[in-house]
PDB file of N, CA and C in Angstrom:
ATOM      1  N   MET A   1     -56.993 -60.809  68.835  1.00  0.00           N
ATOM      2  CA  MET A   1     -58.311 -61.468  69.264  1.00  0.00           C
ATOM      3  C   MET A   1     -58.839 -62.449  68.623  1.00  0.00           C
ATOM      4  N   THR A   2     -59.490 -63.630  69.469  1.00  0.00           N
ATOM      5  CA  THR A   2     -59.573 -65.003  68.418  1.00  0.00           C
ATOM      6  C   THR A   2     -60.754 -64.874  68.603  1.00  0.00           C
ATOM      7  N   ALA A   3     -61.505 -65.254  67.585  1.00  0.00           N
ATOM      8  CA  ALA A   3     -62.774 -65.772  67.365  1.00  0.00           C
ATOM      9  C   ALA A   3     -63.093 -66.591  65.966  1.00  0.00           C
ATOM     10  N   ASN A   4     -64.286 -67.207  65.788  1.00  0.00           N
ATOM     11  CA  ASN A   4     -64.422 -67.503  64.713  1.00  0.00           C
ATOM     12  C   ASN A   4     -65.253 -66.812  63.729  1.00  0.00           C
ATOM     13  N   TYR A   5     -64.826 -65.517  62.728  1.00  0.00           N
ATOM     14  CA  TYR A   5     -65.046 -64.826  62.583  1.00  0.00           C
ATOM     15  C   TYR A   5     -65.843 -65.297  61.058  1.00  0.00           C
ATOM     16  N   PRO A   6     -65.477 -66.306  60.349  1.00  0.00           N
ATOM     17  CA  PRO A   6     -66.072 -66.710  59.101  1.00  0.00           C
ATOM     18  C   PRO A   6     -67.788 -67.193  59.909  1.00  0.00           C
ATOM     19  N   LEU A   7     -67.787 -68.093  60.730  1.00  0.00           N
ATOM     20  CA  LEU A   7     -68.847 -68.223  61.462  1.00  0.00           C
ATOM     21  C   LEU A   7     -70.030 -66.521  61.877  1.00  0.00           C
ATOM     22  N   LEU A   8     -69.548 -66.049  61.903  1.00  0.00           N
ATOM     23  CA  LEU A   8     -70.092 -64.408  62.378  1.00  0.00           C
ATOM     24  C   LEU A   8     -70.797 -64.129  61.117  1.00  0.00           C
ATOM     25  N   VAL A   9     -69.822 -63.851  60.034  1.00  0.00           N
ATOM     26  CA  VAL A   9     -70.112 -63.823  58.754  1.00  0.00           C
ATOM     27  C   VAL A   9     -71.261 -64.620  58.451  1.00  0.00           C
ATOM     28  N   ARG A  10     -71.214 -66.062  58.325  1.00  0.00           N
ATOM     29  CA  ARG A  10     -72.244 -66.654  57.914  1.00  0.00           C
ATOM     30  C   ARG A  10     -73.619 -66.652  58.775  1.00  0.00           C
ATOM     31  N   GLU A  11     -73.416 -66.217  60.122  1.00  0.00           N
ATOM     32  CA  GLU A  11     -74.889 -65.868  60.649  1.00  0.00           C
ATOM     33  C   GLU A  11     -75.228 -64.710  60.452  1.00  0.00           C
ATOM     34  N   ALA A  12     -74.740 -64.012  60.181  1.00  0.00           N
ATOM     35  CA  ALA A  12     -75.191 -62.573  59.701  1.00  0.00           C
ATOM     36  C   ALA A  12     -75.978 -62.544  58.592  1.00  0.00           C
ATOM     37  N   LEU A  13     -75.379 -63.143  57.493  1.00  0.00           N
ATOM     38  CA  LEU A  13     -75.729 -63.224  56.314  1.00  0.00           C
ATOM     39  C   LEU A  13     -76.905 -64.211  56.148  1.00  0.00           C
ATOM     40  N   VAL A  14     -77.040 -65.118  57.171  1.00  0.00           N
ATOM     41  CA  VAL A  14     -78.498 -66.190  57.190  1.00  0.00           C
ATOM     42  C   VAL A  14     -79.560 -64.997  57.360  1.00  0.00           C
ATOM     43  N   LYS A  15     -78.928 -64.305  58.528  1.00  0.00           N
ATOM     44  CA  LYS A  15     -80.257 -63.651  59.233  1.00  0.00           C
ATOM     45  C   LYS A  15     -80.538 -62.204  58.291  1.00  0.00           C
ATOM     46  N   GLN A  16     -79.800 -61.678  57.875  1.00  0.00           N
ATOM     47  CA  GLN A  16     -79.771 -60.247  56.914  1.00  0.00           C
ATOM     48  C   GLN A  16     -80.495 -60.928  55.754  1.00  0.00           C
ATOM     49  N   LEU A  17     -80.316 -62.008  54.825  1.00  0.00           N
ATOM     50  CA  LEU A  17     -80.655 -62.576  53.632  1.00  0.00           C
ATOM     51  C   LEU A  17     -82.356 -63.274  54.032  1.00  0.00           C
ATOM     52  N   GLY A  18     -82.342 -63.604  55.415  1.00  0.00           N
ATOM     53  CA  GLY A  18     -83.539 -64.519  55.791  1.00  0.00           C
ATOM     54  C   GLY A  18     -83.397 -65.917  55.165  1.00  0.00           C
ATOM     55  N   ILE A  19     -82.142 -66.517  55.238  1.00  0.00           N
ATOM     56  CA  ILE A  19     -81.913 -67.748  54.568  1.00  0.00           C
ATOM     57  C   ILE A  19     -82.393 -69.020  55.866  1.00  0.00           C
ATOM     58  N   ASP A  20     -82.635 -69.874  55.167  1.00  0.00           N
ATOM     59  CA  ASP A  20     -83.231 -70.954  56.344  1.00  0.00           C
ATOM     60  C   ASP A  20     -81.853 -71.649  56.622  1.00  0.00           C
ATOM     61  N   ALA A  21     -81.063 -71.224  57.548  1.00  0.00           N
ATOM     62  CA  ALA A  21     -79.764 -72.276  58.097  1.00  0.00           C
ATOM     63  C   ALA A  21     -79.898 -73.329  58.040  1.00  0.00           C
ATOM     64  N   SER A  22     -80.805 -74.115  57.845  1.00  0.00           N
ATOM     65  CA  SER A  22     -80.911 -75.635  57.718  1.00  0.00           C
ATOM     66  C   SER A  22     -80.767 -75.897  56.485  1.00  0.00           C
ATOM     67  N   LYS A  23     -80.886 -74.932  55.496  1.00  0.00           N
ATOM     68  CA  LYS A  23     -80.377 -75.293  53.956  1.00  0.00           C
ATOM     69  C   LYS A  23     -79.080 -74.924  53.711  1.00  0.00           C
ATOM     70  N   ARG A  24     -78.023 -75.633  53.842  1.00  0.00           N
ATOM     71  CA  ARG A  24     -76.821 -75.919  53.860  1.00  0.00           C
ATOM     72  C   ARG A  24     -76.040 -75.342  52.489  1.00  0.00           C
ATOM     73  N   PRO A  25     -76.720 -75.771  51.172  1.00  0.00           N
ATOM     74  CA  PRO A  25     -76.211 -75.208  50.134  1.00  0.00           C
ATOM     75  C   PRO A  25     -76.532 -74.268  49.776  1.00  0.00           C
ATOM     76  N   LEU A  26     -77.681 -73.127  50.411  1.00  0.00           N
ATOM     77  CA  LEU A  26     -78.434 -72.105  50.252  1.00  0.00           C
ATOM     78  C   LEU A  26     -77.045 -71.223  51.121  1.00  0.00           C
ATOM     79  N   VAL A  27     -76.661 -71.702  52.329  1.00  0.00           N
ATOM     80  CA  VAL A  27     -75.643 -70.860  53.312  1.00  0.00           C
ATOM     81  C   VAL A  27     -74.509 -70.824  52.699  1.00  0.00           C
ATOM     82  N   LYS A  28     -73.901 -71.880  52.107  1.00  0.00           N
ATOM     83  CA  LYS A  28     -72.789 -72.037  51.522  1.00  0.00           C
ATOM     84  C   LYS A  28     -72.370 -71.130  50.167  1.00  0.00           C
ATOM     85  N   GLN A  29     -73.763 -70.849  49.545  1.00  0.00           N
ATOM     86  CA  GLN A  29     -73.843 -70.296  48.197  1.00  0.00           C
ATOM     87  C   GLN A  29     -73.769 -68.612  48.736  1.00  0.00           C
ATOM     88  N   ALA A  30     -74.415 -67.945  49.800  1.00  0.00           N
ATOM     89  CA  ALA A  30     -74.199 -67.040  50.457  1.00  0.00           C
ATOM     90  C   ALA A  30     -73.063 -66.689  50.455  1.00  0.00           C
ATOM     91  N   THR A  31     -72.455 -67.679  51.342  1.00  0.00           N
ATOM     92  CA  THR A  31     -70.757 -67.031  52.056  1.00  0.00           C
ATOM     93  C   THR A  31     -69.997 -67.285  50.834  1.00  0.00           C
ATOM     94  N   ASP A  32     -70.116 -68.104  50.147  1.00  0.00           N
ATOM     95  CA  ASP A  32     -69.094 -67.890  49.108  1.00  0.00           C
ATOM     96  C   ASP A  32     -69.213 -66.685  48.273  1.00  0.00           C
ATOM     97  N   MET A  33     -70.480 -65.722  48.188  1.00  0.00           N
ATOM     98  CA  MET A  33     -70.172 -64.189  47.671  1.00  0.00           C
ATOM     99  C   MET A  33     -69.368 -63.213  48.300  1.00  0.00           C
ATOM    100  N   VAL A  34     -68.933 -63.806  49.568  1.00  0.00           N
ATOM    101  CA  VAL A  34     -68.328 -62.664  50.523  1.00  0.00           C
ATOM    102  C   VAL A  34     -66.456 -62.880  50.192  1.00  0.00           C
ATOM    103  N   SER A  35     -65.764 -62.059  50.129  1.00  0.00           N
ATOM    104  CA  SER A  35     -64.264 -62.418  49.887  1.00  0.00           C
ATOM    105  C   SER A  35     -63.822 -62.885  51.619  1.00  0.00           C
ATOM    106  N   ALA A  36     -62.972 -63.976  51.543  1.00  0.00           N
ATOM    107  CA  ALA A  36     -62.065 -64.453  52.692  1.00  0.00           C
ATOM    108  C   ALA A  36     -61.203 -63.555  53.239  1.00  0.00           C
ATOM    109  N   SER A  37     -61.172 -62.319  52.934  1.00  0.00           N
ATOM    110  CA  SER A  37     -60.650 -61.104  53.381  1.00  0.00           C
ATOM    111  C   SER A  37     -61.596 -60.827  54.865  1.00  0.00           C
ATOM    112  N   SER A  38     -62.383 -61.090  54.809  1.00  0.00           N
ATOM    113  CA  SER A  38     -63.736 -60.588  55.963  1.00  0.00           C
ATOM    114  C   SER A  38     -63.524 -61.364  57.209  1.00  0.00           C
ATOM    115  N   ARG A  39     -62.613 -62.274  57.082  1.00  0.00           N
ATOM    116  CA  ARG A  39     -62.107 -62.816  58.777  1.00  0.00           C
ATOM    117  C   ARG A  39     -61.174 -61.654  58.943  1.00  0.00           C
ATOM    118  N   THR A  40     -60.318 -61.126  57.978  1.00  0.00           N
ATOM    119  CA  THR A  40     -59.337 -60.104  58.548  1.00  0.00           C
ATOM    120  C   THR A  40     -59.770 -59.009  58.792  1.00  0.00           C
ATOM    121  N   LEU A  41     -60.870 -58.284  58.079  1.00  0.00           N
ATOM    122  CA  LEU A  41     -61.740 -56.964  58.208  1.00  0.00           C
ATOM    123  C   LEU A  41     -62.454 -57.203  59.748  1.00  0.00           C
ATOM    124  N   LEU A  42     -62.986 -58.212  59.967  1.00  0.00           N
ATOM    125  CA  LEU A  42     -63.609 -57.906  61.143  1.00  0.00           C
ATOM    126  C   LEU A  42     -62.837 -58.026  62.380  1.00  0.00           C
ATOM    127  N   ARG A  43     -61.368 -58.696  62.418  1.00  0.00           N
ATOM    128  CA  ARG A  43     -60.719 -58.828  63.498  1.00  0.00           C
ATOM    129  C   ARG A  43     -60.067 -57.318  63.763  1.00  0.00           C
ATOM    130  N   ASP A  44     -59.707 -56.718  62.308  1.00  0.00           N
ATOM    131  CA  ASP A  44     -59.145 -55.474  62.913  1.00  0.00           C
ATOM    132  C   ASP A  44     -60.007 -54.396  63.393  1.00  0.00           C
ATOM    133  N   LEU A  45     -61.362 -55.075  62.926  1.00  0.00           N
ATOM    134  CA  LEU A  45     -62.697 -53.745  63.932  1.00  0.00           C
ATOM    135  C   LEU A  45     -62.660 -54.241  65.137  1.00  0.00           C
ATOM    136  N   VAL A  46     -62.465 -55.537  65.215  1.00  0.00           N
ATOM    137  CA  VAL A  46     -62.573 -55.829  66.641  1.00  0.00           C
ATOM    138  C   VAL A  46     -61.387 -55.341  67.714  1.00  0.00           C
ATOM    139  N   VAL A  47     -60.185 -55.395  66.551  1.00  0.00           N
ATOM    140  CA  VAL A  47     -58.822 -54.716  67.698  1.00  0.00           C
ATOM    141  C   VAL A  47     -58.841 -53.513  67.863  1.00  0.00           C
ATOM    142  N   ALA A  48     -59.233 -52.918  67.026  1.00  0.00           N
ATOM    143  CA  ALA A  48     -59.423 -51.058  67.003  1.00  0.00           C
ATOM    144  C   ALA A  48     -60.784 -50.526  68.023  1.00  0.00           C
ATOM    145  N   ASP A  49     -61.609 -51.749  68.375  1.00  0.00           N
ATOM    146  CA  ASP A  49     -62.372 -51.425  69.219  1.00  0.00           C
ATOM    147  C   ASP A  49     -63.348 -52.116  69.915  1.00  0.00           C
ATOM    148  N   PRO A  50     -62.398 -52.883  71.124  1.00  0.00           N
ATOM    149  CA  PRO A  50     -63.114 -54.262  71.545  1.00  0.00           C
ATOM    150  C   PRO A  50     -64.480 -53.990  72.462  1.00  0.00           C
ATOM    151  N   SER A  51     -64.797 -52.963  72.142  1.00  0.00           N
ATOM    152  CA  SER A  51     -66.438 -52.553  73.009  1.00  0.00           C
ATOM    153  C   SER A  51     -67.265 -53.078  72.111  1.00  0.00           C
ATOM    154  N   ILE A  52     -66.987 -53.021  70.892  1.00  0.00           N
ATOM    155  CA  ILE A  52     -68.381 -53.798  70.033  1.00  0.00           C
ATOM    156  C   ILE A  52     -68.573 -55.357  70.383  1.00  0.00           C
ATOM    157  N   ILE A  53     -67.312 -56.248  70.558  1.00  0.00           N
ATOM    158  CA  ILE A  53     -67.704 -57.490  71.365  1.00  0.00           C
ATOM    159  C   ILE A  53     -68.986 -57.652  71.599  1.00  0.00           C
ATOM    160  N   GLY A  54     -69.973 -58.517  71.283  1.00  0.00           N
ATOM    161  CA  GLY A  54     -71.195 -59.328  71.987  1.00  0.00           C
ATOM    162  C   GLY A  54     -72.347 -57.726  71.220  1.00  0.00           C
ATOM    163  N   LYS A  55     -72.051 -57.141  70.673  1.00  0.00           N
ATOM    164  CA  LYS A  55     -72.845 -56.091  69.540  1.00  0.00           C
ATOM    165  C   LYS A  55     -73.155 -56.108  68.329  1.00  0.00           C
ATOM    166  N   THR A  56     -74.399 -56.140  68.096  1.00  0.00           N
ATOM    167  CA  THR A  56     -74.529 -55.500  66.437  1.00  0.00           C
ATOM    168  C   THR A  56     -73.860 -54.911  65.769  1.00  0.00           C
ATOM    169  N   VAL A  57     -73.285 -54.782  64.792  1.00  0.00           N
ATOM    170  CA  VAL A  57     -72.993 -53.429  64.613  1.00  0.00           C
ATOM    171  C   VAL A  57     -72.803 -53.478  62.536  1.00  0.00           C
ATOM    172  N   PRO A  58     -73.160 -52.703  62.225  1.00  0.00           N
ATOM    173  CA  PRO A  58     -73.065 -52.725  60.627  1.00  0.00           C
ATOM    174  C   PRO A  58     -72.091 -52.898  60.239  1.00  0.00           C
ATOM    175  N   VAL A  59     -71.590 -53.619  59.244  1.00  0.00           N
ATOM    176  CA  VAL A  59     -70.117 -53.521  58.654  1.00  0.00           C
ATOM    177  C   VAL A  59     -70.449 -54.006  56.916  1.00  0.00           C
ATOM    178  N   THR A  60     -69.674 -53.711  56.208  1.00  0.00           N
ATOM    179  CA  THR A  60     -69.309 -53.745  54.900  1.00  0.00           C
ATOM    180  C   THR A  60     -68.493 -54.635  54.786  1.00  0.00           C
ATOM    181  N   LEU A  61     -68.613 -55.588  54.108  1.00  0.00           N
ATOM    182  CA  LEU A  61     -67.418 -56.711  53.434  1.00  0.00           C
ATOM    183  C   LEU A  61     -67.457 -56.711  52.026  1.00  0.00           C
ATOM    184  N   LEU A  62     -66.508 -56.919  51.726  1.00  0.00           N
ATOM    185  CA  LEU A  62     -65.571 -57.073  49.915  1.00  0.00           C
ATOM    186  C   LEU A  62     -66.749 -57.912  49.816  1.00  0.00           C
ATOM    187  N   ALA A  63     -66.922 -58.236  48.522  1.00  0.00           N
ATOM    188  CA  ALA A  63     -67.838 -59.270  47.189  1.00  0.00           C
ATOM    189  C   ALA A  63     -66.392 -60.379  47.230  1.00  0.00           C
ATOM    190  N   GLU A  64     -66.508 -61.346  46.892  1.00  0.00           N
ATOM    191  CA  GLU A  64     -65.600 -62.729  46.548  1.00  0.00           C
ATOM    192  C   GLU A  64     -65.232 -61.605  44.869  1.00  0.00           C
ATOM    193  N   ALA A  65     -64.068 -61.981  44.585  1.00  0.00           N
ATOM    194  CA  ALA A  65     -63.301 -61.514  43.542  1.00  0.00           C
ATOM    195  C   ALA A  65     -64.503 -61.735  41.747  1.00  0.00           C
ATOM    196  N   ASN A  66     -65.006 -63.087  41.944  1.00  0.00           N
ATOM    197  CA  ASN A  66     -65.775 -63.673  40.284  1.00  0.00           C
ATOM    198  C   ASN A  66     -67.437 -62.478  40.877  1.00  0.00           C
ATOM    199  N   ILE A  67     -67.920 -62.561  41.936  1.00  0.00           N
ATOM    200  CA  ILE A  67     -69.367 -61.344  42.371  1.00  0.00           C
ATOM    201  C   ILE A  67     -68.518 -60.005  41.983  1.00  0.00           C
ATOM    202  N   ASP A  68     -67.510 -59.406  42.089  1.00  0.00           N
ATOM    203  CA  ASP A  68     -66.950 -58.439  41.767  1.00  0.00           C
ATOM    204  C   ASP A  68     -67.005 -58.058  40.666  1.00  0.00           C
ATOM    205  N   SER A  69     -66.013 -59.225  39.798  1.00  0.00           N
ATOM    206  CA  SER A  69     -66.236 -58.773  38.285  1.00  0.00           C
ATOM    207  C   SER A  69     -67.709 -59.021  37.671  1.00  0.00           C
ATOM    208  N   ALA A  70     -68.278 -60.045  38.049  1.00  0.00           N
ATOM    209  CA  ALA A  70     -69.664 -59.771  37.963  1.00  0.00           C
ATOM    210  C   ALA A  70     -70.435 -58.853  37.917  1.00  0.00           C
ATOM    211  N   TYR A  71     -70.435 -57.517  39.040  1.00  0.00           N
ATOM    212  CA  TYR A  71     -71.105 -56.709  39.128  1.00  0.00           C
ATOM    213  C   TYR A  71     -70.389 -55.649  37.983  1.00  0.00           C
ATOM    214  N   LYS A  72     -69.274 -55.523  38.009  1.00  0.00           N
ATOM    215  CA  LYS A  72     -68.801 -54.872  37.099  1.00  0.00           C
ATOM    216  C   LYS A  72     -68.471 -54.908  35.668  1.00  0.00           C
ATOM    217  N   GLY A  73     -69.176 -56.038  35.091  1.00  0.00           N
ATOM    218  CA  GLY A  73     -69.411 -56.427  33.943  1.00  0.00           C
ATOM    219  C   GLY A  73     -68.379 -57.010  33.329  1.00  0.00           C
ATOM    220  N   ARG A  74     -67.464 -57.332  34.018  1.00  0.00           N
ATOM    221  CA  ARG A  74     -66.266 -58.159  33.424  1.00  0.00           C
ATOM    222  C   ARG A  74     -66.126 -59.631  33.772  1.00  0.00           C
ATOM    223  N   SER A  75     -65.946 -60.509  32.075  1.00  0.00           N
ATOM    224  CA  SER A  75     -65.807 -62.092  32.681  1.00  0.00           C
ATOM    225  C   SER A  75     -65.319 -62.497  33.828  1.00  0.00           C
ATOM    226  N   THR A  76     -65.579 -63.723  34.271  1.00  0.00           N
ATOM    227  CA  THR A  76     -65.164 -64.279  34.690  1.00  0.00           C
ATOM    228  C   THR A  76     -64.028 -65.041  34.160  1.00  0.00           C
ATOM    229  N   SER A  77     -62.882 -66.095  34.551  1.00  0.00           N
ATOM    230  CA  SER A  77     -62.182 -66.630  33.920  1.00  0.00           C
ATOM    231  C   SER A  77     -63.086 -67.697  33.332  1.00  0.00           C
ATOM    232  N   GLY A  78     -64.052 -68.208  34.332  1.00  0.00           N
ATOM    233  CA  GLY A  78     -65.025 -69.817  34.239  1.00  0.00           C
ATOM    234  C   GLY A  78     -65.543 -69.700  32.700  1.00  0.00           C
ATOM    235  N   SER A  79     -66.226 -68.462  32.935  1.00  0.00           N
ATOM    236  CA  SER A  79     -67.080 -68.007  31.765  1.00  0.00           C
ATOM    237  C   SER A  79     -66.410 -67.572  30.347  1.00  0.00           C
ATOM    238  N   LYS A  80     -65.017 -67.697  30.556  1.00  0.00           N
ATOM    239  CA  LYS A  80     -64.155 -67.028  29.581  1.00  0.00           C
ATOM    240  C   LYS A  80     -63.881 -68.453  28.425  1.00  0.00           C
ATOM    241  N   ARG A  81     -63.687 -69.391  29.507  1.00  0.00           N
ATOM    242  CA  ARG A  81     -63.256 -70.805  29.014  1.00  0.00           C
ATOM    243  C   ARG A  81     -64.619 -71.213  28.627  1.00  0.00           C
ATOM    244  N   ALA A  82     -65.676 -71.314  28.851  1.00  0.00           N
ATOM    245  CA  ALA A  82     -67.221 -72.026  28.631  1.00  0.00           C
ATOM    246  C   ALA A  82     -66.893 -71.040  27.211  1.00  0.00           C
ATOM    247  N   SER A  83     -67.069 -69.627  26.904  1.00  0.00           N
ATOM    248  CA  SER A  83     -67.140 -69.170  25.583  1.00  0.00           C
ATOM    249  C   SER A  83     -65.856 -69.658  24.677  1.00  0.00           C
ATOM    250  N   ALA A  84     -64.847 -70.062  25.189  1.00  0.00           N
ATOM    251  CA  ALA A  84     -63.866 -70.448  24.319  1.00  0.00           C
ATOM    252  C   ALA A  84     -64.608 -71.823  23.736  1.00  0.00           C
ATOM    253  N   ARG A  85     -64.509 -72.672  24.711  1.00  0.00           N
ATOM    254  CA  ARG A  85     -64.724 -73.926  24.332  1.00  0.00           C
ATOM    255  C   ARG A  85     -66.327 -73.830  23.406  1.00  0.00           C
ATOM    256  N   SER A  86     -67.405 -72.918  23.929  1.00  0.00           N
ATOM    257  CA  SER A  86     -68.240 -73.229  22.498  1.00  0.00           C
ATOM    258  C   SER A  86     -67.838 -72.942  21.616  1.00  0.00           C
ATOM    259  N   ARG A  87     -67.067 -71.309  21.315  1.00  0.00           N
ATOM    260  CA  ARG A  87     -66.693 -71.406  19.672  1.00  0.00           C
ATOM    261  C   ARG A  87     -66.063 -72.330  19.259  1.00  0.00           C
ATOM    262  N   THR A  88     -64.922 -72.985  19.596  1.00  0.00           N
ATOM    263  CA  THR A  88     -64.111 -73.956  19.047  1.00  0.00           C
ATOM    264  C   THR A  88     -64.515 -75.183  18.701  1.00  0.00           C
ATOM    265  N   SER A  89     -65.752 -75.558  19.496  1.00  0.00           N
ATOM    266  CA  SER A  89     -66.416 -76.913  19.695  1.00  0.00           C
ATOM    267  C   SER A  89     -67.619 -76.922  18.015  1.00  0.00           C
ATOM    268  N   ARG A  90     -67.848 -75.313  17.525  1.00  0.00           N
ATOM    269  CA  ARG A  90     -68.612 -75.257  16.694  1.00  0.00           C
ATOM    270  C   ARG A  90     -67.972 -75.986  15.080  1.00  0.00           C
ATOM    271  N   SER A  91     -68.836 -76.488  14.434  1.00  0.00           N
ATOM    272  CA  SER A  91     -68.520 -77.137  13.165  1.00  0.00           C
ATOM    273  C   SER A  91     -68.403 -75.532  12.277  1.00  0.00           C
ATOM    274  N   PRO A  92     -67.732 -75.333  11.556  1.00  0.00           N
ATOM    275  CA  PRO A  92     -67.658 -74.595  10.234  1.00  0.00           C
ATOM    276  C   PRO A  92     -68.954 -74.653   9.282  1.00  0.00           C
ATOM    277  N   GLY A  93     -69.665 -73.845   9.133  1.00  0.00           N
ATOM    278  CA  GLY A  93     -70.859 -73.853   8.548  1.00  0.00           C
ATOM    279  C   GLY A  93     -70.848 -73.925   6.972  1.00  0.00           C
TER     280      GLY A  93
END
């Protein structure tokens, strides 16, 4: 089934989070928190039950990997690099 699943995710997030859709940076931040696998998950739901087309149904999506890691208390590679840089840039006291 062909559809613009990322657009469906974006519109649902805007509505659910109460984001002003004209504030593109906020919309992008919200959509960047959702895993790219969401399009596959949504497609699979529609293929399994085409009667959901045109309906609003609750769906749980996966968080993007860095969000998931942060939630679990794990450092992301970016924060590890920043931490390593700050340690190596200090001069011995």
